[in-house]
Protein backbone atom coordinates (compact mmCIF):
# COMPACT_ATOMS: atom_id res chain seq x y z
CA UNK A 1 12.09 18.53 24.89
CA UNK A 2 13.35 15.98 27.41
CA UNK A 3 13.07 12.86 25.28
CA UNK A 4 14.70 10.59 27.85
CA UNK A 5 11.96 11.34 30.38
CA UNK A 6 9.16 10.31 28.07
CA UNK A 7 9.48 6.56 28.57
CA UNK A 8 10.94 6.55 32.07
CA UNK A 9 7.71 8.02 33.44
CA UNK A 10 5.61 5.19 32.02
CA UNK A 11 7.90 2.17 31.55
CA UNK A 12 6.60 0.41 34.65
CA UNK A 13 3.18 -0.12 33.03
CA UNK A 14 4.43 -1.96 29.95
CA UNK A 15 4.07 -5.72 29.67
CA UNK A 16 5.76 -8.53 27.71
CA UNK A 17 3.60 -9.88 24.90
CA UNK A 18 3.34 -13.51 25.99
CA UNK A 19 5.18 -16.82 25.51
CA UNK A 20 5.63 -16.39 21.75
CA UNK A 21 8.02 -14.08 19.91
CA UNK A 22 6.86 -10.58 18.94
CA UNK A 23 9.08 -8.64 16.50
CA UNK A 24 8.31 -5.28 14.89
CA UNK A 25 9.86 -3.48 11.93
CA UNK A 26 10.21 0.28 11.58
CA UNK A 27 11.57 2.75 9.06
CA UNK A 28 10.56 5.27 6.44
CA UNK A 29 9.04 4.28 3.12
CA UNK A 30 11.47 2.44 0.88
CA UNK A 31 13.54 1.06 3.73
CA UNK A 32 12.73 -2.53 2.76
CA UNK A 33 10.54 -3.59 5.66
CA UNK A 34 8.25 -5.78 3.57
CA UNK A 35 11.16 -7.62 1.96
CA UNK A 36 12.87 -8.36 5.27
CA UNK A 37 9.65 -9.42 6.98
CA UNK A 38 9.03 -11.94 4.21
CA UNK A 39 12.57 -13.30 4.49
CA UNK A 40 12.32 -13.68 8.25
CA UNK A 41 8.90 -15.30 7.95
CA UNK A 42 10.33 -17.89 5.55
CA UNK A 43 13.17 -18.62 7.96
CA UNK A 44 10.87 -19.22 10.93
CA UNK A 45 8.42 -21.22 8.82
CA UNK A 46 11.22 -23.49 7.63
CA UNK A 47 12.06 -24.09 11.29
CA UNK A 48 8.52 -25.32 11.87
CA UNK A 49 7.31 -22.30 13.79
CA UNK A 50 3.85 -20.78 13.16
CA UNK A 51 4.24 -17.24 11.82
CA UNK A 52 1.73 -14.41 11.61
CA UNK A 53 2.51 -11.42 9.35
CA UNK A 54 0.65 -8.21 10.10
CA UNK A 55 0.79 -4.51 9.28
CA UNK A 56 -0.25 -1.24 10.86
CA UNK A 57 -2.66 0.23 10.44
CA UNK A 58 -4.59 -2.86 9.43
CA UNK A 59 -4.40 -6.56 10.14
CA UNK A 60 -8.08 -6.89 11.01
CA UNK A 61 -11.24 -6.05 9.10
CA UNK A 62 -11.68 -3.02 11.33
CA UNK A 63 -8.06 -1.97 10.99
CA UNK A 64 -8.01 -2.31 7.20
CA UNK A 65 -11.02 -0.02 6.95
CA UNK A 66 -9.23 2.55 9.09
CA UNK A 67 -6.11 2.13 6.95
CA UNK A 68 -8.02 2.86 3.76
CA UNK A 69 -9.61 5.88 5.39
CA UNK A 70 -6.46 7.59 6.68
CA UNK A 71 -4.07 6.74 3.83
CA UNK A 72 -6.65 7.94 1.32
CA UNK A 73 -7.21 11.19 3.20
CA UNK A 74 -6.75 14.34 1.11
CA UNK A 75 -7.45 16.96 3.79
CA UNK A 76 -4.92 17.39 6.60
CA UNK A 77 -5.99 15.86 9.89
CA UNK A 78 -5.17 17.13 13.34
CA UNK A 79 -2.28 15.03 14.73
CA UNK A 80 -4.46 13.91 17.62
CA UNK A 81 -7.04 12.60 15.16
CA UNK A 82 -4.29 10.68 13.38
CA UNK A 83 -3.11 9.26 16.68
CA UNK A 84 -6.53 8.00 17.70
CA UNK A 85 -7.05 6.31 14.33
CA UNK A 86 -3.78 4.39 14.69
CA UNK A 87 -4.46 3.52 18.32
CA UNK A 88 -7.92 2.22 17.50
CA UNK A 89 -6.46 -0.03 14.81
CA UNK A 90 -3.63 -1.11 17.14
CA UNK A 91 -5.92 -1.97 20.03
CA UNK A 92 -8.06 -4.22 17.88
CA UNK A 93 -5.03 -5.83 16.26
CA UNK A 94 -3.48 -6.70 19.62
CA UNK A 95 -6.71 -8.00 21.12
CA UNK A 96 -7.92 -9.93 18.08
CA UNK A 97 -4.73 -11.23 16.50
CA UNK A 98 -1.39 -10.60 18.20
CA UNK A 99 -1.92 -11.58 21.83
CA UNK A 100 -4.02 -14.72 21.16
CA UNK A 101 -1.48 -15.96 18.61
CA UNK A 102 1.43 -15.40 21.01
CA UNK A 103 -0.02 -17.76 23.58
CA UNK A 104 1.76 -20.49 21.64
CA UNK A 105 5.38 -20.43 22.89
CA UNK A 106 6.82 -21.22 19.45
CA UNK A 107 4.61 -18.73 17.59
CA UNK A 108 6.12 -15.67 15.90
CA UNK A 109 4.37 -12.39 15.08
CA UNK A 110 6.11 -10.09 12.59
CA UNK A 111 4.52 -6.65 12.50
CA UNK A 112 5.19 -3.92 9.94
CA UNK A 113 5.09 -0.70 12.05
CA UNK A 114 4.03 -0.33 15.67
CA UNK A 115 4.31 2.19 18.49
CA UNK A 116 7.57 3.72 17.23
CA UNK A 117 5.84 4.88 14.06
CA UNK A 118 3.32 6.75 16.19
CA UNK A 119 6.11 8.30 18.25
CA UNK A 120 7.77 9.51 15.06
CA UNK A 121 4.87 10.49 12.81
CA UNK A 122 2.52 11.95 15.40
CA UNK A 123 5.15 13.44 17.74
CA UNK A 124 8.78 13.96 16.77
CA UNK A 125 8.24 14.79 13.08
CA UNK A 126 5.83 17.57 14.02
CA UNK A 127 7.73 18.81 17.07
CA UNK A 128 5.36 17.45 19.68
CA UNK A 129 6.39 15.61 22.88
CA UNK A 130 6.34 11.84 22.98
CA UNK A 131 4.92 11.66 26.49
CA UNK A 132 1.38 12.14 25.17
CA UNK A 133 1.81 9.03 23.03
CA UNK A 134 3.20 7.03 25.95
CA UNK A 135 0.31 8.13 28.18
CA UNK A 136 -2.18 6.71 25.70
CA UNK A 137 -0.33 3.37 25.79
CA UNK A 138 -0.55 2.82 29.54
CA UNK A 139 -3.64 0.65 29.29
CA UNK A 140 -3.98 -2.96 28.13
CA UNK A 141 -3.62 -4.16 25.47
CA UNK A 142 -1.76 -1.06 24.23
CA UNK A 143 0.86 -1.50 26.96
CA UNK A 144 2.41 -4.44 25.08
CA UNK A 145 5.97 -3.94 23.90
CA UNK A 146 7.67 -6.27 21.38
CA UNK A 147 10.66 -8.41 22.27
CA UNK A 148 12.70 -6.53 19.68
CA UNK A 149 12.28 -3.88 17.00
CA UNK A 150 14.30 -3.66 13.79
CA UNK A 151 14.79 -0.11 12.56
CA UNK A 152 15.80 -0.19 8.89
CA UNK A 153 17.73 3.04 8.49
CA UNK A 154 18.10 4.92 5.20
CA UNK A 155 18.62 8.59 4.34
CA UNK A 156 15.73 10.66 3.04
CA UNK A 157 17.27 10.85 -0.45
CA UNK A 158 17.35 7.06 -0.67
CA UNK A 159 13.78 6.87 0.61
CA UNK A 160 12.47 9.36 -1.94
CA UNK A 161 14.36 7.69 -4.80
CA UNK A 162 13.02 4.26 -3.91
CA UNK A 163 9.49 5.64 -3.63
CA UNK A 164 9.79 7.28 -7.05
CA UNK A 165 11.05 4.05 -8.61
CA UNK A 166 7.85 2.29 -7.59
CA UNK A 167 5.77 4.54 -9.84
CA UNK A 168 2.87 4.43 -7.42
CA UNK A 169 0.54 7.19 -6.30
CA UNK A 170 1.60 8.70 -2.97
CA UNK A 171 -0.59 8.20 0.08
CA UNK A 172 -1.52 10.68 2.82
CA UNK A 173 1.91 10.59 4.48
CA UNK A 174 4.11 9.99 1.43
CA UNK A 175 2.71 13.09 -0.28
CA UNK A 176 4.03 15.45 2.40
CA UNK A 177 6.98 17.75 1.66
CA UNK A 178 10.63 16.71 1.89
CA UNK A 179 11.12 18.57 5.19
CA UNK A 180 8.57 16.27 6.82
CA UNK A 181 10.22 13.19 5.30
CA UNK A 182 13.58 14.37 6.66
CA UNK A 183 12.08 14.78 10.12
CA UNK A 184 10.77 11.21 9.92
CA UNK A 185 14.30 9.91 9.34
CA UNK A 186 15.66 12.05 12.17
CA UNK A 187 12.79 11.00 14.43
CA UNK A 188 13.41 7.30 13.92
CA UNK A 189 17.09 7.79 14.68
CA UNK A 190 16.24 9.63 17.89
CA UNK A 191 13.87 6.91 19.03
CA UNK A 192 16.43 4.21 18.23
CA UNK A 193 19.08 6.02 20.25
CA UNK A 194 16.72 6.36 23.23
CA UNK A 195 15.72 2.68 23.42
CA UNK A 196 18.77 0.69 22.25
CA UNK A 197 17.85 -2.30 24.37
CA UNK A 198 14.75 -2.92 22.28
CA UNK A 199 15.47 -1.21 18.95
CA UNK A 200 18.17 -2.63 16.68
CA UNK A 201 19.34 -0.18 14.03
CA UNK A 202 20.10 -1.88 10.71
CA UNK A 203 21.85 -0.14 7.79
CA UNK A 204 19.23 -0.66 5.09
CA UNK A 205 21.35 0.84 2.31
CA UNK A 206 23.13 -2.52 2.06
CA UNK A 207 21.89 -5.29 -0.21
CA UNK A 208 18.72 -7.13 0.89
CA UNK A 209 20.84 -10.20 1.60
CA UNK A 210 23.26 -8.23 3.79
CA UNK A 211 20.39 -6.57 5.63
CA UNK A 212 18.81 -9.95 6.30
CA UNK A 213 22.07 -11.35 7.59
CA UNK A 214 22.25 -8.48 10.10
CA UNK A 215 18.68 -9.15 11.23
CA UNK A 216 19.28 -12.88 11.50
CA UNK A 217 22.42 -12.27 13.58
CA UNK A 218 20.39 -10.24 16.08
CA UNK A 219 17.74 -12.93 16.35
CA UNK A 220 20.39 -15.60 16.90
CA UNK A 221 22.26 -13.48 19.45
CA UNK A 222 19.08 -13.11 21.45
CA UNK A 223 18.52 -16.84 21.47
CA UNK A 224 15.34 -16.70 19.41
CA UNK A 225 16.28 -19.27 16.73
């Protein structure tokens, strides 16, 4: 599989999100995305910037209904069916919430999961090429890439231990076998290595405070604070 070719064939069709700041967070379950998103939201809010926190799938009435449907699924879906569910939710989220909000130059959108999750879950983790995912993102508003993506990296053992400590029922993806969870970790690392200009890998085995410092340093270095 020629991973490097997947984006190069389609990169010319992707667009910046607008005057505001669009940041996405990626990683397997238990990586601490929610904690870090909240910390970054507080930082931007304290600086007087309007902040919108969103998640995928979800973020709109339509998207939340799709989220409940797929995460509550008990029968295995075809990967293409999964992909179309996520893309439907994403399209509505971008059109209804993300792009209008980013018309304000000081606005900040923080999104829990985005296109990289689709590349990993619906392609790399099941040994399918990423180019099919990129092809489906050629058209507006799906051709919007964030200014930066934070990949919170943990090993599968850490992920599974943190999930177990929550004591919560597993959803459609969490309930899959350890081999799939391992492929998710490997998939995220592959994607991060392919697109280092956009994706910032953060060691999420550190303390939440240390992780946040690493994220804040990236934001500062890019002149976004």
